[in-house]
Amino acid sequence: MNFVVVPPSILYQDFGEMLSDVNGRPVVPAELFDPMKEKAENLIRIDDTESAIFEALLHFIYTDRLPDSCSDGRNLAIMHLLVAADRYGVERLRLLCESKLSKAIDVEIVATTLSLAEQHNCSQLRRACIGFMASLNMFGPNMETDGFDHLIASCLLVMKEILDNVSCIWSGKQCR
């Protein structure tokens, strides 16, 4: 099983990268730096992320550790945290979430996890999911899930890749 490679912590560089991108623009949403925005209330509204997930994101930013609520890769919170990490450009956190999810892949969640990997360009997690789905003893059980039906309906290129891998594995050829 391929696992996600997570780089070592370089927190000071992570803070610097979160502050600006290569063009010197803030990566943090513009509303954080807009003096007119929410001036009367003196607060910033974040409507696209649940408060518990945003709190977990901040926990990671300040401690370089996942909160206890996100320690299990089968926990739905880790999927939401991956989305938030991707949205806010916290790359090491995104990779940690990928790693947790890749170690928890099973028949029940592999299709959902693969869809998430596709949406957020998680190539290592994607590869792990496809490898799991195409494996000799898992392909049949995966075909019986609702998630597999969803992949057939919505992700034809992914399905083609899974079937190519199944064909390669079953024929005994060297797979890519």
Protein backbone atom coordinates (compact mmCIF):
# COMPACT_ATOMS: atom_id res chain seq x y z
CA MET A 1 0.00 0.00 0.00
CA ASN A 2 1.36 3.42 -0.93
CA PHE A 3 1.26 5.88 1.93
CA VAL A 4 1.35 9.65 1.75
CA VAL A 5 4.71 11.31 2.30
CA VAL A 6 4.42 14.15 4.82
CA PRO A 7 7.38 16.53 5.02
CA PRO A 8 8.91 17.44 8.38
CA SER A 9 7.63 20.51 10.18
CA ILE A 10 9.07 23.85 9.16
CA LEU A 11 6.53 25.96 10.96
CA TYR A 12 8.27 29.30 10.44
CA GLN A 13 8.33 28.74 6.66
CA ASP A 14 4.72 27.59 6.71
CA PHE A 15 3.70 30.85 8.41
CA GLY A 16 5.62 32.83 5.79
CA GLU A 17 4.05 30.93 2.89
CA MET A 18 0.56 31.36 4.35
CA LEU A 19 1.15 35.10 4.57
CA SER A 20 1.91 35.57 0.90
CA ASP A 21 2.12 33.68 -2.33
CA VAL A 22 4.80 34.04 -5.02
CA ASN A 23 3.22 37.29 -6.23
CA GLY A 24 3.24 38.85 -2.76
CA ARG A 25 -0.53 38.74 -2.35
CA PRO A 26 -2.13 37.50 0.87
CA VAL A 27 -3.20 33.86 0.65
CA VAL A 28 -5.49 34.35 3.62
CA PRO A 29 -8.84 35.55 2.27
CA ALA A 30 -8.97 39.24 1.42
CA GLU A 31 -11.67 39.89 4.01
CA LEU A 32 -9.02 39.49 6.72
CA PHE A 33 -7.18 42.52 5.36
CA ASP A 34 -10.11 44.68 4.22
CA PRO A 35 -10.40 47.60 6.70
CA MET A 36 -13.99 48.34 5.66
CA LYS A 37 -15.24 44.76 5.96
CA GLU A 38 -17.24 44.03 9.08
CA LYS A 39 -15.79 47.23 10.65
CA ALA A 40 -18.82 47.91 12.81
CA GLU A 41 -18.81 44.40 14.26
CA ASN A 42 -15.01 44.12 14.50
CA LEU A 43 -15.12 40.46 13.55
CA ILE A 44 -14.55 38.27 10.54
CA ARG A 45 -17.19 35.81 9.39
CA ILE A 46 -16.08 32.50 7.94
CA ASP A 47 -19.17 30.90 6.47
CA ASP A 48 -17.60 28.19 4.33
CA THR A 49 -16.11 26.11 7.16
CA GLU A 50 -17.75 24.64 10.25
CA SER A 51 -16.50 26.25 13.45
CA ALA A 52 -15.10 22.98 14.84
CA ILE A 53 -13.14 22.40 11.62
CA PHE A 54 -11.81 25.97 11.56
CA GLU A 55 -10.82 25.55 15.20
CA ALA A 56 -8.95 22.35 14.25
CA LEU A 57 -7.22 24.27 11.44
CA LEU A 58 -6.13 26.97 13.87
CA HIS A 59 -5.03 24.31 16.37
CA PHE A 60 -2.73 22.87 13.72
CA ILE A 61 -1.41 26.29 12.68
CA TYR A 62 -0.45 27.13 16.26
CA THR A 63 0.75 23.71 17.45
CA ASP A 64 1.77 21.83 14.28
CA ARG A 65 -0.33 18.91 15.54
CA LEU A 66 -3.71 17.49 14.68
CA PRO A 67 -6.29 17.90 17.43
CA ASP A 68 -7.48 14.71 19.14
CA SER A 69 -10.82 14.99 17.33
CA CYS A 70 -8.99 14.39 14.03
CA SER A 71 -6.70 11.55 15.03
CA ASP A 72 -8.70 8.84 13.25
CA GLY A 73 -8.60 8.69 9.44
CA ARG A 74 -12.12 7.24 9.41
CA ASN A 75 -13.46 10.32 11.16
CA LEU A 76 -15.49 12.62 8.90
CA ALA A 77 -13.76 15.59 10.55
CA ILE A 78 -10.44 14.67 8.92
CA MET A 79 -12.10 14.88 5.49
CA HIS A 80 -13.49 18.32 6.29
CA LEU A 81 -10.12 19.38 7.69
CA LEU A 82 -8.44 18.32 4.43
CA VAL A 83 -10.88 20.56 2.53
CA ALA A 84 -10.14 23.50 4.87
CA ALA A 85 -6.38 22.92 4.64
CA ASP A 86 -6.62 22.94 0.86
CA ARG A 87 -8.79 26.07 0.84
CA TYR A 88 -6.48 28.02 3.17
CA GLY A 89 -3.22 26.75 1.69
CA VAL A 90 -1.94 24.84 4.73
CA GLU A 91 -0.04 22.26 2.69
CA ARG A 92 1.52 20.22 5.50
CA LEU A 93 -1.88 19.83 7.16
CA ARG A 94 -3.40 18.76 3.85
CA LEU A 95 -0.70 16.10 3.51
CA LEU A 96 -1.22 14.93 7.10
CA CYS A 97 -4.93 14.55 6.40
CA GLU A 98 -4.10 12.66 3.19
CA SER A 99 -1.84 10.37 5.19
CA LYS A 100 -4.46 9.66 7.85
CA LEU A 101 -7.10 8.98 5.22
CA SER A 102 -4.84 6.72 3.15
CA LYS A 103 -4.15 4.52 6.19
CA ALA A 104 -7.86 4.15 6.95
CA ILE A 105 -9.09 3.12 3.50
CA ASP A 106 -11.66 0.33 3.51
CA VAL A 107 -14.56 -0.77 1.34
CA GLU A 108 -17.05 1.49 3.13
CA ILE A 109 -15.21 4.78 2.59
CA VAL A 110 -12.85 4.27 -0.35
CA ALA A 111 -15.16 5.76 -3.00
CA THR A 112 -15.91 8.86 -0.90
CA THR A 113 -12.22 9.24 -0.12
CA LEU A 114 -11.34 8.89 -3.81
CA SER A 115 -13.89 11.57 -4.74
CA LEU A 116 -12.38 13.87 -2.12
CA ALA A 117 -8.88 13.18 -3.44
CA GLU A 118 -10.03 14.02 -6.97
CA GLN A 119 -11.66 17.31 -5.91
CA HIS A 120 -8.62 18.51 -3.94
CA ASN A 121 -5.76 17.23 -6.11
CA CYS A 122 -4.52 14.76 -3.51
CA SER A 123 -2.46 12.62 -5.87
CA GLN A 124 -0.98 10.31 -3.23
CA LEU A 125 -4.35 9.65 -1.61
CA ARG A 126 -5.88 9.14 -5.05
CA ARG A 127 -3.21 6.56 -5.90
CA ALA A 128 -3.79 4.72 -2.61
CA CYS A 129 -7.55 4.60 -3.19
CA ILE A 130 -7.21 3.35 -6.76
CA GLY A 131 -4.67 0.74 -5.64
CA PHE A 132 -7.06 -0.46 -2.94
CA MET A 133 -10.04 -0.59 -5.28
CA ALA A 134 -8.12 -2.44 -7.99
CA SER A 135 -6.56 -5.05 -5.68
CA LEU A 136 -7.50 -8.66 -6.33
CA ASN A 137 -9.45 -9.29 -3.14
CA MET A 138 -11.13 -5.86 -2.94
CA PHE A 139 -12.46 -5.21 -6.43
CA GLY A 140 -15.56 -7.41 -6.03
CA PRO A 141 -16.60 -5.99 -2.65
CA ASN A 142 -15.98 -2.43 -3.93
CA MET A 143 -18.26 -3.04 -6.91
CA GLU A 144 -21.15 -3.76 -4.54
CA THR A 145 -21.07 -0.37 -2.81
CA ASP A 146 -23.14 2.73 -3.50
CA GLY A 147 -19.88 4.67 -3.70
CA PHE A 148 -18.77 2.54 -6.65
CA ASP A 149 -22.05 3.34 -8.41
CA HIS A 150 -21.42 7.03 -7.73
CA LEU A 151 -17.94 6.79 -9.27
CA ILE A 152 -19.39 5.12 -12.38
CA ALA A 153 -21.94 7.93 -12.71
CA SER A 154 -19.66 10.88 -11.98
CA CYS A 155 -15.99 9.98 -12.48
CA LEU A 156 -15.58 8.05 -15.71
CA LEU A 157 -11.86 8.81 -16.08
CA VAL A 158 -11.21 7.52 -12.57
CA MET A 159 -13.22 4.39 -13.33
CA LYS A 160 -11.18 3.84 -16.47
CA GLU A 161 -7.97 4.13 -14.42
CA ILE A 162 -9.31 1.66 -11.84
CA LEU A 163 -10.27 -0.82 -14.57
CA ASP A 164 -6.89 -0.37 -16.27
CA ASN A 165 -5.22 -1.19 -12.94
CA VAL A 166 -7.49 -4.21 -12.41
CA SER A 167 -6.64 -5.49 -15.88
CA CYS A 168 -2.93 -4.93 -15.28
CA ILE A 169 -2.95 -6.65 -11.88
CA TRP A 170 -5.02 -9.59 -13.02
CA SER A 171 -2.89 -10.14 -16.12
CA GLY A 172 0.29 -10.11 -14.02
CA LYS A 173 1.83 -7.19 -15.94
CA GLN A 174 3.89 -4.41 -14.42
CA CYS A 175 1.44 -1.65 -13.44
CA ARG A 176 2.20 2.07 -13.39
